[in-house]
PDB file of all heavy atoms in Angstrom:
ATOM      1  N   VAL A   1     112.356  90.874 100.676  1.00  0.00           N
ATOM      2  CA  VAL A   1     111.757  92.162 100.418  1.00  0.00           C
ATOM      3  C   VAL A   1     112.723  93.207 100.814  1.00  0.00           C
ATOM      4  O   VAL A   1     113.173  93.267 101.986  1.00  0.00           O
ATOM      5  CB  VAL A   1     110.434  92.331 101.142  1.00  0.00           C
ATOM      6  CG1 VAL A   1     109.827  93.721 100.937  1.00  0.00           C
ATOM      7  CG2 VAL A   1     109.459  91.244 100.781  1.00  0.00           C
ATOM      8  N   PRO A   2     113.083  94.163  99.972  1.00  0.00           N
ATOM      9  CA  PRO A   2     114.045  95.223 100.347  1.00  0.00           C
ATOM     10  C   PRO A   2     113.489  96.281 101.246  1.00  0.00           C
ATOM     11  O   PRO A   2     113.075  97.348 100.778  1.00  0.00           O
ATOM     12  CB  PRO A   2     114.450  95.822  98.985  1.00  0.00           C
ATOM     13  CG  PRO A   2     113.181  95.616  98.110  1.00  0.00           C
ATOM     14  CD  PRO A   2     112.637  94.288  98.579  1.00  0.00           C
ATOM     15  N   LEU A   3     113.425  95.958 102.519  1.00  0.00           N
ATOM     16  CA  LEU A   3     112.730  96.903 103.477  1.00  0.00           C
ATOM     17  C   LEU A   3     113.404  98.256 103.522  1.00  0.00           C
ATOM     18  O   LEU A   3     112.652  99.225 103.856  1.00  0.00           O
ATOM     19  CB  LEU A   3     112.736  96.231 104.885  1.00  0.00           C
ATOM     20  CG  LEU A   3     111.881  95.006 105.090  1.00  0.00           C
ATOM     21  CD1 LEU A   3     111.862  94.566 106.474  1.00  0.00           C
ATOM     22  CD2 LEU A   3     110.426  95.239 104.615  1.00  0.00           C
ATOM     23  N   SER A   4     114.653  98.352 103.242  1.00  0.00           N
ATOM     24  CA  SER A   4     115.330  99.703 103.299  1.00  0.00           C
ATOM     25  C   SER A   4     114.740 100.684 102.364  1.00  0.00           C
ATOM     26  O   SER A   4     114.837 101.875 102.533  1.00  0.00           O
ATOM     27  CB  SER A   4     116.813  99.529 103.095  1.00  0.00           C
ATOM     28  OG  SER A   4     117.052  99.026 101.793  1.00  0.00           O
ATOM     29  N   SER A   5     114.053 100.222 101.339  1.00  0.00           N
ATOM     30  CA  SER A   5     113.442 101.090 100.337  1.00  0.00           C
ATOM     31  C   SER A   5     111.913 101.118 100.497  1.00  0.00           C
ATOM     32  O   SER A   5     111.223 101.663  99.618  1.00  0.00           O
ATOM     33  CB  SER A   5     113.845 100.692  98.928  1.00  0.00           C
ATOM     34  OG  SER A   5     113.362  99.371  98.702  1.00  0.00           O
ATOM     35  N   GLU A   6     111.364 100.494 101.532  1.00  0.00           N
ATOM     36  CA  GLU A   6     109.980 100.405 101.742  1.00  0.00           C
ATOM     37  C   GLU A   6     109.502 101.447 102.790  1.00  0.00           C
ATOM     38  O   GLU A   6     110.272 101.986 103.588  1.00  0.00           O
ATOM     39  CB  GLU A   6     109.589  99.034 102.308  1.00  0.00           C
ATOM     40  CG  GLU A   6     110.021  97.880 101.462  1.00  0.00           C
ATOM     41  CD  GLU A   6     109.180  97.704 100.194  1.00  0.00           C
ATOM     42  OE1 GLU A   6     107.981  97.879 100.219  1.00  0.00           O
ATOM     43  OE2 GLU A   6     109.793  97.414  99.139  1.00  0.00           O
ATOM     44  N   THR A   7     108.181 101.780 102.705  1.00  0.00           N
ATOM     45  CA  THR A   7     107.542 102.705 103.627  1.00  0.00           C
ATOM     46  C   THR A   7     106.486 102.053 104.460  1.00  0.00           C
ATOM     47  O   THR A   7     105.682 101.223 103.923  1.00  0.00           O
ATOM     48  CB  THR A   7     106.885 103.932 102.877  1.00  0.00           C
ATOM     49  OG1 THR A   7     107.870 104.597 102.098  1.00  0.00           O
ATOM     50  CG2 THR A   7     106.242 104.858 103.847  1.00  0.00           C
ATOM     51  N   ILE A   8     106.507 102.300 105.770  1.00  0.00           N
ATOM     52  CA  ILE A   8     105.380 101.802 106.624  1.00  0.00           C
ATOM     53  C   ILE A   8     104.710 102.975 107.306  1.00  0.00           C
ATOM     54  O   ILE A   8     105.424 103.845 107.785  1.00  0.00           O
ATOM     55  CB  ILE A   8     105.910 100.700 107.615  1.00  0.00           C
ATOM     56  CG1 ILE A   8     104.744 100.177 108.437  1.00  0.00           C
ATOM     57  CG2 ILE A   8     107.024 101.310 108.491  1.00  0.00           C
ATOM     58  CD1 ILE A   8     105.126  98.983 109.284  1.00  0.00           C
ATOM     59  N   PHE A   9     103.399 102.958 107.316  1.00  0.00           N
ATOM     60  CA  PHE A   9     102.628 103.979 108.045  1.00  0.00           C
ATOM     61  C   PHE A   9     102.092 103.321 109.270  1.00  0.00           C
ATOM     62  O   PHE A   9     101.512 102.249 109.257  1.00  0.00           O
ATOM     63  CB  PHE A   9     101.428 104.431 107.140  1.00  0.00           C
ATOM     64  CG  PHE A   9     101.902 105.100 105.874  1.00  0.00           C
ATOM     65  CD1 PHE A   9     102.039 104.349 104.666  1.00  0.00           C
ATOM     66  CD2 PHE A   9     102.101 106.452 105.770  1.00  0.00           C
ATOM     67  CE1 PHE A   9     102.402 104.895 103.505  1.00  0.00           C
ATOM     68  CE2 PHE A   9     102.542 107.049 104.580  1.00  0.00           C
ATOM     69  CZ  PHE A   9     102.666 106.336 103.434  1.00  0.00           C
ATOM     70  N   VAL A  10     102.214 104.035 110.414  1.00  0.00           N
ATOM     71  CA  VAL A  10     101.829 103.463 111.734  1.00  0.00           C
ATOM     72  C   VAL A  10     100.970 104.507 112.443  1.00  0.00           C
ATOM     73  O   VAL A  10     100.987 105.695 112.106  1.00  0.00           O
ATOM     74  CB  VAL A  10     103.088 103.138 112.581  1.00  0.00           C
ATOM     75  CG1 VAL A  10     104.000 102.138 111.823  1.00  0.00           C
ATOM     76  CG2 VAL A  10     103.894 104.391 112.867  1.00  0.00           C
ATOM     77  N   PRO A  11     100.206 104.061 113.447  1.00  0.00           N
ATOM     78  CA  PRO A  11      99.314 104.990 114.161  1.00  0.00           C
ATOM     79  C   PRO A  11     100.074 106.073 114.864  1.00  0.00           C
ATOM     80  O   PRO A  11     101.232 105.925 115.278  1.00  0.00           O
ATOM     81  CB  PRO A  11      98.659 104.074 115.191  1.00  0.00           C
ATOM     82  CG  PRO A  11      98.663 102.667 114.601  1.00  0.00           C
ATOM     83  CD  PRO A  11     100.070 102.654 113.901  1.00  0.00           C
ATOM     84  N   ALA A  12      99.423 107.198 115.043  1.00  0.00           N
ATOM     85  CA  ALA A  12     100.044 108.328 115.729  1.00  0.00           C
ATOM     86  C   ALA A  12     100.409 107.927 117.163  1.00  0.00           C
ATOM     87  O   ALA A  12      99.657 107.226 117.835  1.00  0.00           O
ATOM     88  CB  ALA A  12      99.055 109.516 115.792  1.00  0.00           C
ATOM     89  N   GLY A  13     101.492 108.300 117.560  1.00  0.00           N
ATOM     90  CA  GLY A  13     102.015 108.011 118.914  1.00  0.00           C
ATOM     91  C   GLY A  13     102.805 106.676 119.044  1.00  0.00           C
ATOM     92  O   GLY A  13     103.338 106.382 120.076  1.00  0.00           O
ATOM     93  N   SER A  14     102.896 105.965 117.927  1.00  0.00           N
ATOM     94  CA  SER A  14     103.598 104.659 117.977  1.00  0.00           C
ATOM     95  C   SER A  14     104.845 104.624 117.173  1.00  0.00           C
ATOM     96  O   SER A  14     105.405 103.517 116.978  1.00  0.00           O
ATOM     97  CB  SER A  14     102.610 103.519 117.504  1.00  0.00           C
ATOM     98  OG  SER A  14     102.226 103.725 116.129  1.00  0.00           O
ATOM     99  N   LEU A  15     105.335 105.757 116.682  1.00  0.00           N
ATOM    100  CA  LEU A  15     106.533 105.832 115.921  1.00  0.00           C
ATOM    101  C   LEU A  15     107.725 105.196 116.689  1.00  0.00           C
ATOM    102  O   LEU A  15     108.501 104.370 116.123  1.00  0.00           O
ATOM    103  CB  LEU A  15     106.846 107.224 115.523  1.00  0.00           C
ATOM    104  CG  LEU A  15     108.080 107.479 114.714  1.00  0.00           C
ATOM    105  CD1 LEU A  15     108.015 106.748 113.355  1.00  0.00           C
ATOM    106  CD2 LEU A  15     108.372 108.995 114.474  1.00  0.00           C
ATOM    107  N   ALA A  16     107.951 105.603 117.912  1.00  0.00           N
ATOM    108  CA  ALA A  16     109.039 105.153 118.695  1.00  0.00           C
ATOM    109  C   ALA A  16     109.016 103.585 118.847  1.00  0.00           C
ATOM    110  O   ALA A  16     110.073 102.922 118.838  1.00  0.00           O
ATOM    111  CB  ALA A  16     109.122 105.791 120.065  1.00  0.00           C
ATOM    112  N   ALA A  17     107.785 103.089 119.043  1.00  0.00           N
ATOM    113  CA  ALA A  17     107.646 101.612 119.268  1.00  0.00           C
ATOM    114  C   ALA A  17     108.107 100.864 118.027  1.00  0.00           C
ATOM    115  O   ALA A  17     108.807  99.805 118.115  1.00  0.00           O
ATOM    116  CB  ALA A  17     106.168 101.278 119.572  1.00  0.00           C
ATOM    117  N   TYR A  18     107.676 101.314 116.889  1.00  0.00           N
ATOM    118  CA  TYR A  18     108.074 100.671 115.622  1.00  0.00           C
ATOM    119  C   TYR A  18     109.567 100.876 115.348  1.00  0.00           C
ATOM    120  O   TYR A  18     110.218  99.953 114.787  1.00  0.00           O
ATOM    121  CB  TYR A  18     107.195 101.179 114.454  1.00  0.00           C
ATOM    122  CG  TYR A  18     105.858 100.533 114.392  1.00  0.00           C
ATOM    123  CD1 TYR A  18     104.820 100.966 115.128  1.00  0.00           C
ATOM    124  CD2 TYR A  18     105.713  99.427 113.533  1.00  0.00           C
ATOM    125  CE1 TYR A  18     103.588 100.290 115.088  1.00  0.00           C
ATOM    126  CE2 TYR A  18     104.459  98.751 113.466  1.00  0.00           C
ATOM    127  CZ  TYR A  18     103.388  99.227 114.239  1.00  0.00           C
ATOM    128  OH  TYR A  18     102.231  98.599 114.159  1.00  0.00           O
ATOM    129  N   GLN A  19     110.074 102.023 115.647  1.00  0.00           N
ATOM    130  CA  GLN A  19     111.526 102.249 115.415  1.00  0.00           C
ATOM    131  C   GLN A  19     112.394 101.334 116.300  1.00  0.00           C
ATOM    132  O   GLN A  19     113.553 101.088 116.022  1.00  0.00           O
ATOM    133  CB  GLN A  19     111.881 103.712 115.709  1.00  0.00           C
ATOM    134  CG  GLN A  19     111.314 104.708 114.689  1.00  0.00           C
ATOM    135  CD  GLN A  19     111.555 106.133 115.027  1.00  0.00           C
ATOM    136  OE1 GLN A  19     111.620 106.496 116.260  1.00  0.00           O
ATOM    137  NE2 GLN A  19     111.715 106.955 114.034  1.00  0.00           N
ATOM    138  N   ALA A  20     111.826 100.800 117.365  1.00  0.00           N
ATOM    139  CA  ALA A  20     112.551  99.926 118.323  1.00  0.00           C
ATOM    140  C   ALA A  20     112.220  98.414 118.113  1.00  0.00           C
ATOM    141  O   ALA A  20     112.884  97.593 118.702  1.00  0.00           O
ATOM    142  CB  ALA A  20     112.269 100.349 119.742  1.00  0.00           C
ATOM    143  N   ALA A  21     111.198  98.144 117.284  1.00  0.00           N
ATOM    144  CA  ALA A  21     110.772  96.769 117.150  1.00  0.00           C
ATOM    145  C   ALA A  21     111.548  96.048 116.112  1.00  0.00           C
ATOM    146  O   ALA A  21     111.796  96.537 115.013  1.00  0.00           O
ATOM    147  CB  ALA A  21     109.285  96.753 116.836  1.00  0.00           C
ATOM    148  N   ASP A  22     111.920  94.750 116.434  1.00  0.00           N
ATOM    149  CA  ASP A  22     112.614  93.953 115.466  1.00  0.00           C
ATOM    150  C   ASP A  22     111.860  93.850 114.151  1.00  0.00           C
ATOM    151  O   ASP A  22     110.613  93.705 114.101  1.00  0.00           O
ATOM    152  CB  ASP A  22     112.807  92.523 116.058  1.00  0.00           C
ATOM    153  CG  ASP A  22     113.865  92.509 117.161  1.00  0.00           C
ATOM    154  OD1 ASP A  22     114.652  93.464 117.263  1.00  0.00           O
ATOM    155  OD2 ASP A  22     113.889  91.502 117.857  1.00  0.00           O
ATOM    156  N   VAL A  23     112.564  93.909 113.085  1.00  0.00           N
ATOM    157  CA  VAL A  23     112.085  93.836 111.678  1.00  0.00           C
ATOM    158  C   VAL A  23     111.313  95.121 111.251  1.00  0.00           C
ATOM    159  O   VAL A  23     111.731  95.671 110.244  1.00  0.00           O
ATOM    160  CB  VAL A  23     111.175  92.589 111.429  1.00  0.00           C
ATOM    161  CG1 VAL A  23     110.768  92.471 109.950  1.00  0.00           C
ATOM    162  CG2 VAL A  23     111.861  91.313 111.877  1.00  0.00           C
ATOM    163  N   TRP A  24     110.338  95.512 111.998  1.00  0.00           N
ATOM    164  CA  TRP A  24     109.631  96.724 111.634  1.00  0.00           C
ATOM    165  C   TRP A  24     110.556  97.964 111.565  1.00  0.00           C
ATOM    166  O   TRP A  24     110.416  98.858 110.731  1.00  0.00           O
ATOM    167  CB  TRP A  24     108.515  97.051 112.683  1.00  0.00           C
ATOM    168  CG  TRP A  24     107.513  95.987 112.808  1.00  0.00           C
ATOM    169  CD1 TRP A  24     107.306  95.150 113.887  1.00  0.00           C
ATOM    170  CD2 TRP A  24     106.557  95.580 111.881  1.00  0.00           C
ATOM    171  NE1 TRP A  24     106.317  94.326 113.674  1.00  0.00           N
ATOM    172  CE2 TRP A  24     105.769  94.523 112.373  1.00  0.00           C
ATOM    173  CE3 TRP A  24     106.230  96.043 110.568  1.00  0.00           C
ATOM    174  CZ2 TRP A  24     104.750  93.886 111.724  1.00  0.00           C
ATOM    175  CZ3 TRP A  24     105.177  95.298 109.797  1.00  0.00           C
ATOM    176  CH2 TRP A  24     104.486  94.323 110.408  1.00  0.00           C
ATOM    177  N   LYS A  25     111.610  97.962 112.434  1.00  0.00           N
ATOM    178  CA  LYS A  25     112.556  99.100 112.422  1.00  0.00           C
ATOM    179  C   LYS A  25     113.449  99.109 111.197  1.00  0.00           C
ATOM    180  O   LYS A  25     114.135 100.082 110.911  1.00  0.00           O
ATOM    181  CB  LYS A  25     113.451  98.974 113.673  1.00  0.00           C
ATOM    182  CG  LYS A  25     114.405  97.774 113.677  1.00  0.00           C
ATOM    183  CD  LYS A  25     115.226  97.732 114.975  1.00  0.00           C
ATOM    184  CE  LYS A  25     116.162  96.505 114.965  1.00  0.00           C
ATOM    185  NZ  LYS A  25     116.937  96.437 116.223  1.00  0.00           N
ATOM    186  N   ASP A  26     113.390  97.999 110.395  1.00  0.00           N
ATOM    187  CA  ASP A  26     114.215  97.930 109.188  1.00  0.00           C
ATOM    188  C   ASP A  26     113.669  98.594 107.981  1.00  0.00           C
ATOM    189  O   ASP A  26     114.261  98.739 106.960  1.00  0.00           O
ATOM    190  CB  ASP A  26     114.494  96.436 108.889  1.00  0.00           C
ATOM    191  CG  ASP A  26     115.338  95.767 110.029  1.00  0.00           C
ATOM    192  OD1 ASP A  26     116.068  96.451 110.634  1.00  0.00           O
ATOM    193  OD2 ASP A  26     115.173  94.518 110.157  1.00  0.00           O
ATOM    194  N   PHE A  27     112.267  99.022 108.101  1.00  0.00           N
ATOM    195  CA  PHE A  27     111.736  99.759 107.058  1.00  0.00           C
ATOM    196  C   PHE A  27     112.487 101.099 106.828  1.00  0.00           C
ATOM    197  O   PHE A  27     112.858 101.745 107.828  1.00  0.00           O
ATOM    198  CB  PHE A  27     110.294 100.099 107.337  1.00  0.00           C
ATOM    199  CG  PHE A  27     109.305  98.973 106.963  1.00  0.00           C
ATOM    200  CD1 PHE A  27     109.191  97.831 107.749  1.00  0.00           C
ATOM    201  CD2 PHE A  27     108.561  98.988 105.741  1.00  0.00           C
ATOM    202  CE1 PHE A  27     108.324  96.814 107.453  1.00  0.00           C
ATOM    203  CE2 PHE A  27     107.738  97.919 105.423  1.00  0.00           C
ATOM    204  CZ  PHE A  27     107.598  96.875 106.273  1.00  0.00           C
ATOM    205  N   GLY A  28     112.764 101.483 105.562  1.00  0.00           N
ATOM    206  CA  GLY A  28     113.493 102.651 105.297  1.00  0.00           C
ATOM    207  C   GLY A  28     112.828 103.893 105.745  1.00  0.00           C
ATOM    208  O   GLY A  28     113.479 104.872 106.179  1.00  0.00           O
ATOM    209  N   THR A  29     111.492 103.954 105.623  1.00  0.00           N
ATOM    210  CA  THR A  29     110.739 105.094 106.064  1.00  0.00           C
ATOM    211  C   THR A  29     109.554 104.684 106.937  1.00  0.00           C
ATOM    212  O   THR A  29     108.820 103.799 106.544  1.00  0.00           O
ATOM    213  CB  THR A  29     110.123 105.882 104.836  1.00  0.00           C
ATOM    214  OG1 THR A  29     111.264 106.248 103.895  1.00  0.00           O
ATOM    215  CG2 THR A  29     109.436 107.115 105.319  1.00  0.00           C
ATOM    216  N   ILE A  30     109.496 105.239 108.143  1.00  0.00           N
ATOM    217  CA  ILE A  30     108.400 104.931 109.055  1.00  0.00           C
ATOM    218  C   ILE A  30     107.744 106.291 109.323  1.00  0.00           C
ATOM    219  O   ILE A  30     108.303 107.257 109.821  1.00  0.00           O
ATOM    220  CB  ILE A  30     108.892 104.358 110.405  1.00  0.00           C
ATOM    221  CG1 ILE A  30     109.764 103.069 110.089  1.00  0.00           C
ATOM    222  CG2 ILE A  30     107.771 104.026 111.338  1.00  0.00           C
ATOM    223  CD1 ILE A  30     110.434 102.451 111.366  1.00  0.00           C
ATOM    224  N   LEU A  31     106.407 106.344 109.013  1.00  0.00           N
ATOM    225  CA  LEU A  31     105.636 107.588 109.124  1.00  0.00           C
ATOM    226  C   LEU A  31     104.391 107.384 109.979  1.00  0.00           C
ATOM    227  O   LEU A  31     103.759 106.300 109.938  1.00  0.00           O
ATOM    228  CB  LEU A  31     105.220 108.122 107.746  1.00  0.00           C
ATOM    229  CG  LEU A  31     106.350 108.414 106.730  1.00  0.00           C
ATOM    230  CD1 LEU A  31     105.673 108.764 105.397  1.00  0.00           C
ATOM    231  CD2 LEU A  31     107.152 109.576 107.251  1.00  0.00           C
ATOM    232  N   GLU A  32     104.129 108.372 110.887  1.00  0.00           N
ATOM    233  CA  GLU A  32     102.967 108.248 111.695  1.00  0.00           C
ATOM    234  C   GLU A  32     101.771 108.777 110.848  1.00  0.00           C
ATOM    235  O   GLU A  32     101.878 109.645 109.992  1.00  0.00           O
ATOM    236  CB  GLU A  32     103.130 109.136 112.909  1.00  0.00           C
ATOM    237  CG  GLU A  32     103.970 108.491 114.075  1.00  0.00           C
ATOM    238  CD  GLU A  32     103.860 109.280 115.343  1.00  0.00           C
ATOM    239  OE1 GLU A  32     103.376 110.400 115.324  1.00  0.00           O
ATOM    240  OE2 GLU A  32     104.362 108.652 116.362  1.00  0.00           O
ATOM    241  N   ILE A  33     100.606 108.235 111.152  1.00  0.00           N
ATOM    242  CA  ILE A  33      99.352 108.723 110.593  1.00  0.00           C
ATOM    243  C   ILE A  33      98.354 109.110 111.704  1.00  0.00           C
ATOM    244  O   ILE A  33      98.498 108.555 112.807  1.00  0.00           O
ATOM    245  CB  ILE A  33      98.694 107.685 109.644  1.00  0.00           C
ATOM    246  CG1 ILE A  33      98.512 106.312 110.382  1.00  0.00           C
ATOM    247  CG2 ILE A  33      99.560 107.458 108.457  1.00  0.00           C
ATOM    248  CD1 ILE A  33      97.802 105.307 109.640  1.00  0.00           C
ATOM    249  N   GLY A  34      97.394 109.889 111.329  1.00  0.00           N
ATOM    250  CA  GLY A  34      96.386 110.250 112.368  1.00  0.00           C
ATOM    251  C   GLY A  34      95.071 109.504 112.089  1.00  0.00           C
ATOM    252  O   GLY A  34      95.090 108.385 111.607  1.00  0.00           O
ATOM    253  N   ALA A  35      93.962 110.149 112.394  1.00  0.00           N
ATOM    254  CA  ALA A  35      92.677 109.558 112.144  1.00  0.00           C
ATOM    255  C   ALA A  35      92.430 109.388 110.628  1.00  0.00           C
ATOM    256  O   ALA A  35      91.696 108.476 110.242  1.00  0.00           O
ATOM    257  CB  ALA A  35      91.615 110.364 112.785  1.00  0.00           C
ATOM    258  N   THR A  36      92.987 110.239 109.802  1.00  0.00           N
ATOM    259  CA  THR A  36      92.818 110.196 108.389  1.00  0.00           C
ATOM    260  C   THR A  36      93.937 109.270 107.784  1.00  0.00           C
ATOM    261  O   THR A  36      95.128 109.620 107.887  1.00  0.00           O
ATOM    262  CB  THR A  36      92.896 111.557 107.715  1.00  0.00           C
ATOM    263  OG1 THR A  36      91.856 112.315 108.286  1.00  0.00           O
ATOM    264  CG2 THR A  36      92.620 111.422 106.181  1.00  0.00           C
ATOM    265  N   ILE A  37      93.570 108.206 107.078  1.00  0.00           N
ATOM    266  CA  ILE A  37      94.477 107.299 106.522  1.00  0.00           C
ATOM    267  C   ILE A  37      95.017 107.881 105.218  1.00  0.00           C
ATOM    268  O   ILE A  37      94.329 108.464 104.389  1.00  0.00           O
ATOM    269  CB  ILE A  37      93.902 105.966 106.229  1.00  0.00           C
ATOM    270  CG1 ILE A  37      93.136 105.419 107.526  1.00  0.00           C
ATOM    271  CG2 ILE A  37      94.872 104.947 105.737  1.00  0.00           C
ATOM    272  CD1 ILE A  37      94.115 105.290 108.683  1.00  0.00           C
ATOM    273  N   PRO A  38      96.345 107.827 105.010  1.00  0.00           N
ATOM    274  CA  PRO A  38      96.921 108.387 103.789  1.00  0.00           C
ATOM    275  C   PRO A  38      96.549 107.647 102.522  1.00  0.00           C
ATOM    276  O   PRO A  38      95.920 106.610 102.554  1.00  0.00           O
ATOM    277  CB  PRO A  38      98.429 108.278 104.051  1.00  0.00           C
ATOM    278  CG  PRO A  38      98.547 107.080 105.003  1.00  0.00           C
ATOM    279  CD  PRO A  38      97.361 107.134 105.841  1.00  0.00           C
ATOM    280  N   THR A  39      96.839 108.267 101.429  1.00  0.00           N
ATOM    281  CA  THR A  39      96.468 107.737 100.115  1.00  0.00           C
ATOM    282  C   THR A  39      96.800 106.234  99.960  1.00  0.00           C
ATOM    283  O   THR A  39      95.949 105.529  99.344  1.00  0.00           O
ATOM    284  CB  THR A  39      97.145 108.545  99.008  1.00  0.00           C
ATOM    285  OG1 THR A  39      96.723 109.911  99.136  1.00  0.00           O
ATOM    286  CG2 THR A  39      96.729 108.045  97.620  1.00  0.00           C
ATOM    287  N   PRO A  40      97.978 105.724 100.355  1.00  0.00           N
ATOM    288  CA  PRO A  40      98.232 104.296 100.119  1.00  0.00           C
ATOM    289  C   PRO A  40      97.239 103.356 100.620  1.00  0.00           C
ATOM    290  O   PRO A  40      97.251 102.213 100.232  1.00  0.00           O
ATOM    291  CB  PRO A  40      99.573 104.157 100.800  1.00  0.00           C
ATOM    292  CG  PRO A  40     100.249 105.464 100.847  1.00  0.00           C
ATOM    293  CD  PRO A  40      99.087 106.399 100.978  1.00  0.00           C
ATOM    294  N   SER A  41      96.369 103.736 101.537  1.00  0.00           N
ATOM    295  CA  SER A  41      95.355 102.854 102.092  1.00  0.00           C
ATOM    296  C   SER A  41      94.120 102.766 101.241  1.00  0.00           C
ATOM    297  O   SER A  41      93.171 102.035 101.565  1.00  0.00           O
ATOM    298  CB  SER A  41      95.002 103.249 103.513  1.00  0.00           C
ATOM    299  OG  SER A  41      94.203 104.400 103.481  1.00  0.00           O
TER     300      SER A  41
END
């Protein structure tokens, strides 16, 4: 799966954790979300 062109949405406040985590950090775009889930969900 070409993760460099993939987007992952993560809970607010956890951006740094995902940016440092093996494999998850390989997603091309990592975005935080709040209580309202974005359209992709």
